[in-house]
Protein backbone atom coordinates (compact mmCIF):
# COMPACT_ATOMS: atom_id res chain seq x y z
CA MET A 1 -9.42 29.88 -7.50
CA ARG A 2 -12.01 27.97 -9.54
CA VAL A 3 -13.95 25.13 -8.02
CA TYR A 4 -16.16 22.25 -9.05
CA VAL A 5 -18.48 21.11 -6.45
CA GLY A 6 -20.47 17.87 -6.01
CA SER A 7 -22.25 15.68 -3.58
CA ASP A 8 -24.60 12.75 -3.36
CA HIS A 9 -27.75 12.90 -1.32
CA GLY A 10 -25.72 12.40 1.88
CA GLY A 11 -23.78 15.56 1.42
CA ILE A 12 -26.23 18.20 -0.02
CA GLU A 13 -26.35 20.31 3.05
CA MET A 14 -22.60 20.57 3.48
CA ARG A 15 -22.07 21.10 -0.14
CA GLU A 16 -24.43 24.06 -0.22
CA GLN A 17 -22.78 25.50 2.95
CA LEU A 18 -19.38 25.17 1.51
CA THR A 19 -20.27 26.50 -1.89
CA ALA A 20 -21.70 29.61 -0.17
CA LEU A 21 -18.43 30.01 1.75
CA LEU A 22 -16.25 29.40 -1.38
CA ILE A 23 -18.19 32.27 -3.13
CA GLU A 24 -17.81 34.45 0.11
CA TRP A 25 -14.12 33.85 0.06
CA GLY A 26 -13.90 35.07 -3.53
CA HIS A 27 -13.60 31.78 -5.39
CA GLU A 28 -15.49 30.91 -8.63
CA VAL A 29 -17.81 27.96 -8.45
CA LEU A 30 -17.80 26.60 -11.94
CA GLU A 31 -20.43 23.85 -11.70
CA THR A 32 -22.24 21.80 -9.15
CA PHE A 33 -22.89 18.08 -9.56
CA GLY A 34 -25.37 15.93 -7.87
CA PRO A 35 -28.97 16.18 -6.65
CA GLN A 36 -30.45 19.60 -5.79
CA SER A 37 -32.92 18.03 -3.33
CA GLY A 38 -33.33 14.97 -1.20
CA GLU A 39 -33.55 12.58 -4.12
CA SER A 40 -31.04 9.69 -4.15
CA ALA A 41 -27.78 10.00 -6.08
CA ASP A 42 -24.88 7.41 -6.26
CA TYR A 43 -21.56 8.91 -5.29
CA PRO A 44 -19.58 7.18 -8.08
CA ASP A 45 -21.76 8.98 -10.68
CA VAL A 46 -21.19 12.35 -9.14
CA ALA A 47 -17.49 11.74 -8.68
CA PHE A 48 -17.34 10.72 -12.35
CA ASP A 49 -19.07 13.86 -13.64
CA LEU A 50 -16.91 16.21 -11.41
CA CYS A 51 -13.56 14.48 -12.25
CA ARG A 52 -14.39 14.44 -16.02
CA ALA A 53 -15.15 18.32 -15.88
CA LEU A 54 -11.99 19.00 -13.82
CA LEU A 55 -9.73 17.01 -16.06
CA ALA A 56 -11.21 18.75 -19.14
CA SER A 57 -10.50 22.23 -17.58
CA GLU A 58 -6.86 21.49 -16.89
CA GLU A 59 -5.81 23.35 -19.94
CA SER A 60 -7.05 26.63 -18.42
CA GLU A 61 -4.47 29.02 -17.08
CA VAL A 62 -6.45 29.48 -13.90
CA PRO A 63 -6.20 26.32 -11.74
CA ALA A 64 -9.28 24.50 -10.62
CA PHE A 65 -9.94 21.92 -7.96
CA GLY A 66 -12.82 19.63 -6.95
CA LEU A 67 -14.76 19.50 -3.77
CA LEU A 68 -16.78 16.23 -3.28
CA VAL A 69 -19.02 15.55 -0.25
CA CYS A 70 -20.84 12.32 0.73
CA GLY A 71 -21.59 10.74 3.97
CA THR A 72 -17.93 10.03 4.99
CA GLY A 73 -15.93 11.25 2.05
CA GLN A 74 -14.47 7.90 1.48
CA GLY A 75 -16.83 6.68 -1.40
CA MET A 76 -16.16 9.94 -3.27
CA ALA A 77 -12.37 9.65 -2.71
CA ILE A 78 -12.25 6.00 -3.86
CA SER A 79 -14.35 6.81 -6.96
CA ALA A 80 -12.42 9.95 -7.88
CA ASN A 81 -9.13 8.21 -7.61
CA LYS A 82 -10.02 5.89 -10.40
CA PHE A 83 -9.42 8.63 -12.77
CA PRO A 84 -5.71 8.93 -14.08
CA GLY A 85 -4.73 12.53 -13.10
CA ILE A 86 -6.99 12.82 -10.14
CA ARG A 87 -5.35 12.89 -6.64
CA ALA A 88 -8.19 12.94 -4.14
CA GLY A 89 -8.14 12.66 -0.41
CA ALA A 90 -10.78 12.14 2.19
CA VAL A 91 -9.80 14.30 5.13
CA SER A 92 -11.23 15.08 8.60
CA ASP A 93 -8.74 17.62 9.85
CA ALA A 94 -7.09 20.80 8.65
CA PHE A 95 -3.55 19.43 8.90
CA SER A 96 -4.30 16.58 6.48
CA ALA A 97 -6.09 18.92 4.12
CA LYS A 98 -2.97 21.20 4.02
CA MET A 99 -0.60 18.19 3.48
CA ILE A 100 -2.65 16.65 0.63
CA ARG A 101 -2.26 19.97 -1.22
CA GLU A 102 1.41 20.56 -0.22
CA HIS A 103 2.83 17.18 -0.50
CA ASN A 104 0.50 15.19 -2.77
CA ASP A 105 -0.84 18.09 -5.06
CA ALA A 106 -4.36 16.85 -4.50
CA ASN A 107 -6.69 18.34 -6.98
CA VAL A 108 -9.87 16.95 -5.20
CA ILE A 109 -10.73 17.18 -1.56
CA CYS A 110 -13.45 14.78 -0.16
CA LEU A 111 -15.35 15.53 2.98
CA GLY A 112 -18.09 13.68 4.92
CA GLN A 113 -21.23 15.32 6.09
CA ARG A 114 -21.96 12.62 8.55
CA VAL A 115 -18.60 12.80 10.20
CA LEU A 116 -17.82 16.55 10.25
CA GLY A 117 -19.52 19.47 11.79
CA SER A 118 -20.01 22.53 9.59
CA GLU A 119 -17.42 24.65 11.25
CA LEU A 120 -14.66 21.92 11.10
CA ALA A 121 -15.67 21.35 7.44
CA ALA A 122 -15.09 25.11 6.70
CA LEU A 123 -11.75 25.05 8.55
CA ILE A 124 -10.60 22.04 6.51
CA LEU A 125 -11.71 23.50 3.29
CA ARG A 126 -10.01 26.91 3.95
CA SER A 127 -6.75 25.01 5.02
CA TYR A 128 -6.90 23.11 1.71
CA ILE A 129 -7.48 26.08 -0.61
CA GLU A 130 -4.95 28.35 1.19
CA SER A 131 -2.17 25.76 0.64
CA THR A 132 -0.06 25.20 -2.37
CA PHE A 133 1.97 22.39 -3.75
CA ALA A 134 5.45 22.54 -2.41
CA GLY A 135 7.21 20.86 -5.27
CA GLY A 136 10.70 19.83 -4.65
CA ARG A 137 11.09 16.35 -3.28
CA HIS A 138 7.40 16.12 -3.42
CA GLU A 139 7.32 16.61 -7.19
CA THR A 140 9.28 13.33 -7.59
CA ARG A 141 6.77 11.53 -5.37
CA VAL A 142 3.72 12.95 -7.28
CA GLY A 143 5.46 11.95 -10.30
CA LYS A 144 5.69 8.35 -9.06
CA ILE A 145 1.88 8.52 -8.21
CA ASN A 146 1.12 9.51 -11.76
CA GLY A 147 3.37 6.78 -12.97
CA ILE A 148 1.21 4.23 -11.18
CA ASP A 149 -1.70 5.27 -13.32
CA GLU A 150 0.29 4.33 -16.52
CA GLN A 151 1.64 1.02 -15.03
CA ALA A 152 -1.88 0.14 -13.87
CA ARG A 153 -3.20 0.57 -17.46
CA LEU A 154 -0.40 -1.64 -18.87
CA VAL A 155 -1.11 -4.31 -16.30
CA SER A 156 -4.86 -4.30 -16.78
CA SER A 157 -4.53 -4.49 -20.51
């Protein structure tokens, strides 16, 4: 699997740990977004850059997903979900990570360095990447989620 990875200053350490694990597990890290050291970075900017790259890569035959890390994962998820076509979830347990892939076809997972230990974060990430979209009745629901994007554009025009 191909992965875009990003974090603000509150998630650099976890981003680096998880990037190393992704590579160890045989996944391709396409690009890393956010600061490389302790300098401050705003999570909406990092989420914007990662989501733009992820959406641009959708035409590839090899699927990609995004991993965003901030202090809690919440700010990244809120920011990422502003993009039509992005389905992001901030999760703090392996079951939720599996479900956002299987039921919601989430293409971005958001984690919080300040709320998760490194072992739990690795377990969550592995659960997410080893899961696949179940389709079926969930496909209809994801279609409705995508329809909200279009309806929101019409309402805000």
